[in-house]
C-alpha atoms as a PDB file:
ATOM      1  CA  MET A   1      -6.339  16.134  17.247  1.00  0.00           C
ATOM      2  CA  ASP A   2      -5.118  19.192  15.337  1.00  0.00           C
ATOM      3  CA  ARG A   3      -2.416  16.997  13.758  1.00  0.00           C
ATOM      4  CA  TRP A   4      -4.924  14.446  12.486  1.00  0.00           C
ATOM      5  CA  PRO A   5      -5.677  14.146   8.761  1.00  0.00           C
ATOM      6  CA  THR A   6      -9.137  15.305   7.743  1.00  0.00           C
ATOM      7  CA  TRP A   7     -10.299  11.730   7.158  1.00  0.00           C
ATOM      8  CA  GLY A   8      -9.033  10.467  10.513  1.00  0.00           C
ATOM      9  CA  LYS A   9     -11.859  11.418  12.897  1.00  0.00           C
ATOM     10  CA  ARG A  10     -13.860   8.231  12.298  1.00  0.00           C
ATOM     11  CA  PHE A  11     -10.893   6.194  13.553  1.00  0.00           C
ATOM     12  CA  GLN A  12     -10.865   7.881  16.978  1.00  0.00           C
ATOM     13  CA  PRO A  13     -12.360   4.897  18.914  1.00  0.00           C
ATOM     14  CA  GLY A  14      -9.880   2.546  17.209  1.00  0.00           C
ATOM     15  CA  LEU A  15     -10.180  -0.657  15.211  1.00  0.00           C
ATOM     16  CA  PHE A  16      -9.098  -4.284  15.505  1.00  0.00           C
ATOM     17  CA  ILE A  17      -6.026  -5.493  13.657  1.00  0.00           C
ATOM     18  CA  ILE A  18      -3.722  -8.483  13.525  1.00  0.00           C
ATOM     19  CA  GLN A  19      -0.216  -7.443  14.505  1.00  0.00           C
ATOM     20  CA  PRO A  20       2.546  -9.601  12.999  1.00  0.00           C
ATOM     21  CA  PRO A  21       5.354 -10.852  15.269  1.00  0.00           C
ATOM     22  CA  GLU A  22       8.368  -8.587  15.734  1.00  0.00           C
ATOM     23  CA  ASP A  23      10.594 -10.240  13.128  1.00  0.00           C
ATOM     24  CA  VAL A  24       7.926  -9.941  10.430  1.00  0.00           C
ATOM     25  CA  SER A  25       7.005  -6.397  11.496  1.00  0.00           C
ATOM     26  CA  ALA A  26      10.635  -5.276  11.316  1.00  0.00           C
ATOM     27  CA  VAL A  27      10.907  -6.276   7.648  1.00  0.00           C
ATOM     28  CA  VAL A  28       7.519  -4.868   6.646  1.00  0.00           C
ATOM     29  CA  ASN A  29       8.049  -1.625   8.574  1.00  0.00           C
ATOM     30  CA  ALA A  30      11.362  -1.050   6.798  1.00  0.00           C
ATOM     31  CA  GLN A  31       9.596  -1.477   3.460  1.00  0.00           C
ATOM     32  CA  ARG A  32       6.778   0.837   4.531  1.00  0.00           C
ATOM     33  CA  LYS A  33       9.211   3.506   5.698  1.00  0.00           C
ATOM     34  CA  ALA A  34      11.090   3.378   2.390  1.00  0.00           C
ATOM     35  CA  CYS A  35       8.027   3.271   0.147  1.00  0.00           C
ATOM     36  CA  ASP A  36       5.422   5.327   2.026  1.00  0.00           C
ATOM     37  CA  PRO A  37       6.855   7.119   5.087  1.00  0.00           C
ATOM     38  CA  LEU A  38       3.654   9.102   5.636  1.00  0.00           C
ATOM     39  CA  SER A  39       1.557   5.945   5.937  1.00  0.00           C
ATOM     40  CA  GLN A  40       4.215   4.417   8.203  1.00  0.00           C
ATOM     41  CA  SER A  41       4.012   7.504  10.433  1.00  0.00           C
ATOM     42  CA  TYR A  42       0.375   6.598  11.132  1.00  0.00           C
ATOM     43  CA  ILE A  43       0.696   2.888  11.878  1.00  0.00           C
ATOM     44  CA  GLY A  44       3.202   0.042  11.691  1.00  0.00           C
ATOM     45  CA  ALA A  45       2.848  -3.322   9.973  1.00  0.00           C
ATOM     46  CA  HIS A  46      -0.631  -4.760  10.424  1.00  0.00           C
ATOM     47  CA  ILE A  47      -3.517  -6.645   8.886  1.00  0.00           C
ATOM     48  CA  THR A  48      -6.756  -4.697   9.231  1.00  0.00           C
ATOM     49  CA  VAL A  49      -9.624  -6.845  10.495  1.00  0.00           C
ATOM     50  CA  THR A  50     -12.527  -4.520  11.309  1.00  0.00           C
ATOM     51  CA  GLN A  51     -13.994  -1.191  10.431  1.00  0.00           C
ATOM     52  CA  PRO A  52     -13.510   1.458  13.144  1.00  0.00           C
ATOM     53  CA  LEU A  53     -15.557   1.177  16.305  1.00  0.00           C
ATOM     54  CA  ILE A  54     -18.512   3.533  16.604  1.00  0.00           C
ATOM     55  CA  ARG A  55     -17.466   4.486  20.140  1.00  0.00           C
ATOM     56  CA  THR A  56     -15.276   3.263  22.952  1.00  0.00           C
ATOM     57  CA  PRO A  57     -16.910  -0.010  24.067  1.00  0.00           C
ATOM     58  CA  SER A  58     -18.714  -0.164  27.395  1.00  0.00           C
ATOM     59  CA  GLU A  59     -17.864  -2.948  29.825  1.00  0.00           C
ATOM     60  CA  SER A  60     -20.723  -5.110  28.551  1.00  0.00           C
ATOM     61  CA  GLU A  61     -19.817  -4.419  24.921  1.00  0.00           C
ATOM     62  CA  TRP A  62     -16.210  -5.337  25.640  1.00  0.00           C
ATOM     63  CA  ASP A  63     -17.400  -8.585  27.204  1.00  0.00           C
ATOM     64  CA  SER A  64     -19.331  -9.332  23.995  1.00  0.00           C
ATOM     65  CA  ILE A  65     -16.239  -8.703  21.874  1.00  0.00           C
ATOM     66  CA  GLU A  66     -14.173 -10.988  24.102  1.00  0.00           C
ATOM     67  CA  GLN A  67     -16.858 -13.666  23.785  1.00  0.00           C
ATOM     68  CA  VAL A  68     -16.811 -13.462  19.984  1.00  0.00           C
ATOM     69  CA  LEU A  69     -13.034 -13.735  19.789  1.00  0.00           C
ATOM     70  CA  GLY A  70     -12.942 -16.401  22.464  1.00  0.00           C
ATOM     71  CA  ASN A  71     -15.009 -18.598  20.172  1.00  0.00           C
ATOM     72  CA  MET A  72     -12.594 -18.170  17.250  1.00  0.00           C
ATOM     73  CA  ARG A  73      -9.835 -20.707  16.711  1.00  0.00           C
ATOM     74  CA  LEU A  74      -6.171 -19.862  16.382  1.00  0.00           C
ATOM     75  CA  PHE A  75      -4.939 -20.179  12.802  1.00  0.00           C
ATOM     76  CA  ALA A  76      -1.769 -19.873  10.766  1.00  0.00           C
ATOM     77  CA  ILE A  77      -1.498 -16.810   8.534  1.00  0.00           C
ATOM     78  CA  HIS A  78       0.550 -17.018   5.347  1.00  0.00           C
ATOM     79  CA  TYR A  79       1.647 -13.684   3.881  1.00  0.00           C
ATOM     80  CA  GLY A  80       2.961 -13.082   0.376  1.00  0.00           C
ATOM     81  CA  PRO A  81       3.506 -12.751  -2.457  1.00  0.00           C
ATOM     82  CA  LEU A  82       3.278  -9.006  -3.024  1.00  0.00           C
ATOM     83  CA  LYS A  83       0.338  -7.858  -5.108  1.00  0.00           C
ATOM     84  CA  SER A  84      -1.110  -4.511  -6.148  1.00  0.00           C
ATOM     85  CA  PHE A  85      -4.353  -2.708  -6.890  1.00  0.00           C
ATOM     86  CA  LEU A  86      -2.751  -0.849  -9.815  1.00  0.00           C
ATOM     87  CA  PRO A  87      -3.625   1.573 -11.269  1.00  0.00           C
ATOM     88  CA  TYR A  88      -4.790   2.427  -7.730  1.00  0.00           C
ATOM     89  CA  PRO A  89      -1.473   3.144  -5.927  1.00  0.00           C
ATOM     90  CA  CYS A  90      -1.334   0.314  -3.394  1.00  0.00           C
ATOM     91  CA  ILE A  91       1.145  -2.545  -2.978  1.00  0.00           C
ATOM     92  CA  TRP A  92       0.439  -5.218  -0.387  1.00  0.00           C
ATOM     93  CA  TYR A  93       1.222  -8.697   0.862  1.00  0.00           C
ATOM     94  CA  ASP A  94      -1.463 -11.232   0.093  1.00  0.00           C
ATOM     95  CA  VAL A  95      -2.870 -12.789   3.280  1.00  0.00           C
ATOM     96  CA  GLN A  96      -4.214 -16.353   3.426  1.00  0.00           C
ATOM     97  CA  PRO A  97      -6.442 -17.951   4.461  1.00  0.00           C
ATOM     98  CA  ALA A  98      -8.525 -14.877   3.719  1.00  0.00           C
ATOM     99  CA  GLU A  99     -11.551 -16.804   4.990  1.00  0.00           C
ATOM    100  CA  GLY A 100     -10.068 -16.911   8.498  1.00  0.00           C
ATOM    101  CA  VAL A 101      -9.691 -13.139   8.689  1.00  0.00           C
ATOM    102  CA  LEU A 102     -13.071 -12.521   7.067  1.00  0.00           C
ATOM    103  CA  ALA A 103     -14.841 -14.862   9.514  1.00  0.00           C
ATOM    104  CA  ILE A 104     -13.513 -12.853  12.455  1.00  0.00           C
ATOM    105  CA  ARG A 105     -14.346  -9.581  10.716  1.00  0.00           C
ATOM    106  CA  GLU A 106     -17.933 -10.643  10.026  1.00  0.00           C
ATOM    107  CA  ALA A 107     -18.498 -11.989  13.542  1.00  0.00           C
ATOM    108  CA  LEU A 108     -17.276  -8.745  15.116  1.00  0.00           C
ATOM    109  CA  HIS A 109     -19.246  -6.558  12.714  1.00  0.00           C
ATOM    110  CA  GLN A 110     -22.414  -8.456  13.631  1.00  0.00           C
ATOM    111  CA  THR A 111     -22.147  -7.096  17.180  1.00  0.00           C
ATOM    112  CA  GLY A 112     -23.280  -3.680  15.915  1.00  0.00           C
ATOM    113  CA  PHE A 113     -20.334  -1.906  17.560  1.00  0.00           C
ATOM    114  CA  PHE A 114     -18.567  -0.946  14.324  1.00  0.00           C
ATOM    115  CA  ASN A 115     -18.980   1.827  11.752  1.00  0.00           C
ATOM    116  CA  LEU A 116     -20.208   0.112   8.603  1.00  0.00           C
ATOM    117  CA  GLU A 117     -21.235   3.299   6.818  1.00  0.00           C
ATOM    118  CA  GLU A 118     -17.833   4.270   5.411  1.00  0.00           C
ATOM    119  CA  GLY A 119     -14.889   2.536   3.792  1.00  0.00           C
ATOM    120  CA  TYR A 120     -14.525  -0.727   1.897  1.00  0.00           C
ATOM    121  CA  ILE A 121     -17.052  -3.164   3.283  1.00  0.00           C
ATOM    122  CA  ALA A 122     -18.391  -5.803   0.872  1.00  0.00           C
ATOM    123  CA  ASP A 123     -15.238  -6.049  -1.253  1.00  0.00           C
ATOM    124  CA  PHE A 124     -12.703  -6.013   1.593  1.00  0.00           C
ATOM    125  CA  ILE A 125      -9.590  -8.095   0.878  1.00  0.00           C
ATOM    126  CA  PRO A 126      -7.354  -9.063   3.843  1.00  0.00           C
ATOM    127  CA  HIS A 127      -3.847  -7.745   3.178  1.00  0.00           C
ATOM    128  CA  MET A 128      -0.724  -6.207   4.708  1.00  0.00           C
ATOM    129  CA  THR A 129       0.088  -2.890   3.062  1.00  0.00           C
ATOM    130  CA  ILE A 130       3.531  -1.697   1.960  1.00  0.00           C
ATOM    131  CA  THR A 131       2.482   1.533   0.255  1.00  0.00           C
ATOM    132  CA  GLU A 132      -0.727   3.415  -0.388  1.00  0.00           C
ATOM    133  CA  GLY A 133       1.032   6.009  -2.526  1.00  0.00           C
ATOM    134  CA  GLN A 134       0.600   8.767   0.056  1.00  0.00           C
ATOM    135  CA  SER A 135       4.320   9.572  -0.059  1.00  0.00           C
ATOM    136  CA  GLY A 136       7.616   8.145  -1.273  1.00  0.00           C
ATOM    137  CA  PRO A 137       8.298   6.767  -4.760  1.00  0.00           C
ATOM    138  CA  GLU A 138       5.558   6.640  -7.353  1.00  0.00           C
ATOM    139  CA  VAL A 139       3.630   3.393  -7.210  1.00  0.00           C
ATOM    140  CA  THR A 140       4.238   1.775 -10.574  1.00  0.00           C
ATOM    141  CA  ARG A 141       4.492  -1.680 -12.119  1.00  0.00           C
ATOM    142  CA  GLU A 142       8.286  -1.258 -11.966  1.00  0.00           C
ATOM    143  CA  LEU A 143       8.201  -0.589  -8.208  1.00  0.00           C
ATOM    144  CA  LEU A 144       5.967  -3.623  -7.687  1.00  0.00           C
ATOM    145  CA  GLU A 145       8.342  -5.881  -9.620  1.00  0.00           C
ATOM    146  CA  LYS A 146      11.357  -4.509  -7.729  1.00  0.00           C
ATOM    147  CA  LEU A 147       9.720  -5.145  -4.360  1.00  0.00           C
ATOM    148  CA  GLN A 148       8.582  -8.612  -5.421  1.00  0.00           C
ATOM    149  CA  LYS A 149      12.184  -9.575  -6.154  1.00  0.00           C
ATOM    150  CA  GLU A 150      13.313  -8.264  -2.759  1.00  0.00           C
ATOM    151  CA  SER A 151      10.491  -9.721  -0.667  1.00  0.00           C
ATOM    152  CA  GLN A 152       9.837 -13.151   0.787  1.00  0.00           C
ATOM    153  CA  SER A 153       6.694 -14.941   1.819  1.00  0.00           C
ATOM    154  CA  GLY A 154       6.273 -16.361   5.300  1.00  0.00           C
ATOM    155  CA  SER A 155       3.807 -17.345   7.981  1.00  0.00           C
ATOM    156  CA  PHE A 156       2.987 -16.919  11.641  1.00  0.00           C
ATOM    157  CA  LEU A 157       0.362 -18.119  14.100  1.00  0.00           C
ATOM    158  CA  CYS A 158      -2.493 -15.686  14.747  1.00  0.00           C
ATOM    159  CA  GLU A 159      -3.231 -16.020  18.457  1.00  0.00           C
ATOM    160  CA  GLU A 160      -4.839 -12.664  19.238  1.00  0.00           C
ATOM    161  CA  LEU A 161      -6.398  -9.482  17.943  1.00  0.00           C
ATOM    162  CA  VAL A 162      -5.194  -6.027  18.879  1.00  0.00           C
ATOM    163  CA  LEU A 163      -7.332  -2.964  19.498  1.00  0.00           C
ATOM    164  CA  SER A 164      -5.285  -0.190  17.876  1.00  0.00           C
ATOM    165  CA  VAL A 165      -6.184   3.400  18.762  1.00  0.00           C
ATOM    166  CA  PRO A 166      -4.696   6.665  17.429  1.00  0.00           C
ATOM    167  CA  ASP A 167      -2.989   9.085  19.816  1.00  0.00           C
ATOM    168  CA  GLN A 168      -2.975  12.887  19.620  1.00  0.00           C
ATOM    169  CA  ASN A 169      -0.456  12.721  16.772  1.00  0.00           C
ATOM    170  CA  PHE A 170      -2.564  10.161  14.892  1.00  0.00           C
ATOM    171  CA  TYR A 171      -0.202   7.286  15.511  1.00  0.00           C
ATOM    172  CA  PHE A 172      -2.023   4.008  16.096  1.00  0.00           C
ATOM    173  CA  SER A 173      -0.749   1.979  19.024  1.00  0.00           C
ATOM    174  CA  VAL A 174      -1.890  -1.041  21.017  1.00  0.00           C
ATOM    175  CA  GLN A 175      -4.583  -0.254  23.578  1.00  0.00           C
ATOM    176  CA  ASN A 176      -5.616  -3.833  24.305  1.00  0.00           C
ATOM    177  CA  ARG A 177      -5.107  -7.419  23.190  1.00  0.00           C
ATOM    178  CA  ILE A 178      -7.709 -10.183  23.105  1.00  0.00           C
ATOM    179  CA  ALA A 179      -6.661 -13.815  22.743  1.00  0.00           C
ATOM    180  CA  LEU A 180      -8.442 -16.073  20.302  1.00  0.00           C
ATOM    181  CA  GLY A 181      -9.912 -19.346  21.524  1.00  0.00           C
ATOM    182  CA  ASN A 182     -10.315 -18.634  25.244  1.00  0.00           C
ATOM    183  CA  VAL A 183     -13.939 -19.773  25.351  1.00  0.00           C
ATOM    184  CA  ILE A 184     -13.230 -22.862  23.243  1.00  0.00           C
ATOM    185  CA  SER A 185     -10.239 -23.860  25.366  1.00  0.00           C
ATOM    186  CA  GLN A 186     -12.288 -23.659  28.559  1.00  0.00           C
ATOM    187  CA  ALA A 187     -15.099 -25.863  27.262  1.00  0.00           C
ATOM    188  CA  PRO A 188     -15.135 -29.413  28.706  1.00  0.00           C
ATOM    189  CA  GLY A 189     -13.311 -31.902  26.502  1.00  0.00           C
ATOM    190  CA  SER A 190     -12.259 -29.277  23.992  1.00  0.00           C
ATOM    191  CA  SER A 191      -8.872 -28.596  22.507  1.00  0.00           C
ATOM    192  CA  ILE A 192      -7.483 -25.981  20.152  1.00  0.00           C
ATOM    193  CA  ALA A 193      -5.529 -27.200  17.185  1.00  0.00           C
ATOM    194  CA  HIS A 194      -2.401 -25.177  16.498  1.00  0.00           C
ATOM    195  CA  PRO A 195      -1.920 -25.264  12.727  1.00  0.00           C
ATOM    196  CA  GLU A 196       1.602 -25.798  11.496  1.00  0.00           C
ATOM    197  CA  SER A 197       3.131 -22.636  10.050  1.00  0.00           C
ATOM    198  CA  ARG A 198       4.243 -22.691   6.457  1.00  0.00           C
ATOM    199  CA  SER A 199       7.477 -21.079   5.409  1.00  0.00           C
END
């Protein structure tokens, strides 16, 4: 942990994210590497869903998390266009429907297993970050407009959540995956609608 940033300790147990499919990740990761290589060195393309866990979940706590996600329906995520929090140095893909991500976030946070004392809680906006201004070119209106011209919107089906945990070098990688809709799909007479993706 000697290579971890000073703010990184609270992320040690990991957090839940949505990981885009490989083709989407490849494009976003290339943008991240060009615009903010330091941020990219921590984690690849992702949509943050939860705050960090308080601790590594016990078996019963893990069962509760699986139950929560098993009761959530699969849904199509549309990403883009690029937006910013300027003058705060952050450029990101808009993520819709935000309500779908926020519903999962709230349901998981209600388990009591997550650190809700630090970070952006009430005003959290689902997004997929390109740069946080930690490194690379200065985050300006000109950079935003350049990236907007080069970027495309798209969509993919969200079928699972990923528990992403940092290693000794503070690189977040997949520790576990939990499918959405398992409980619903096993209920008698139930079916899961697979929304059509928008391009």
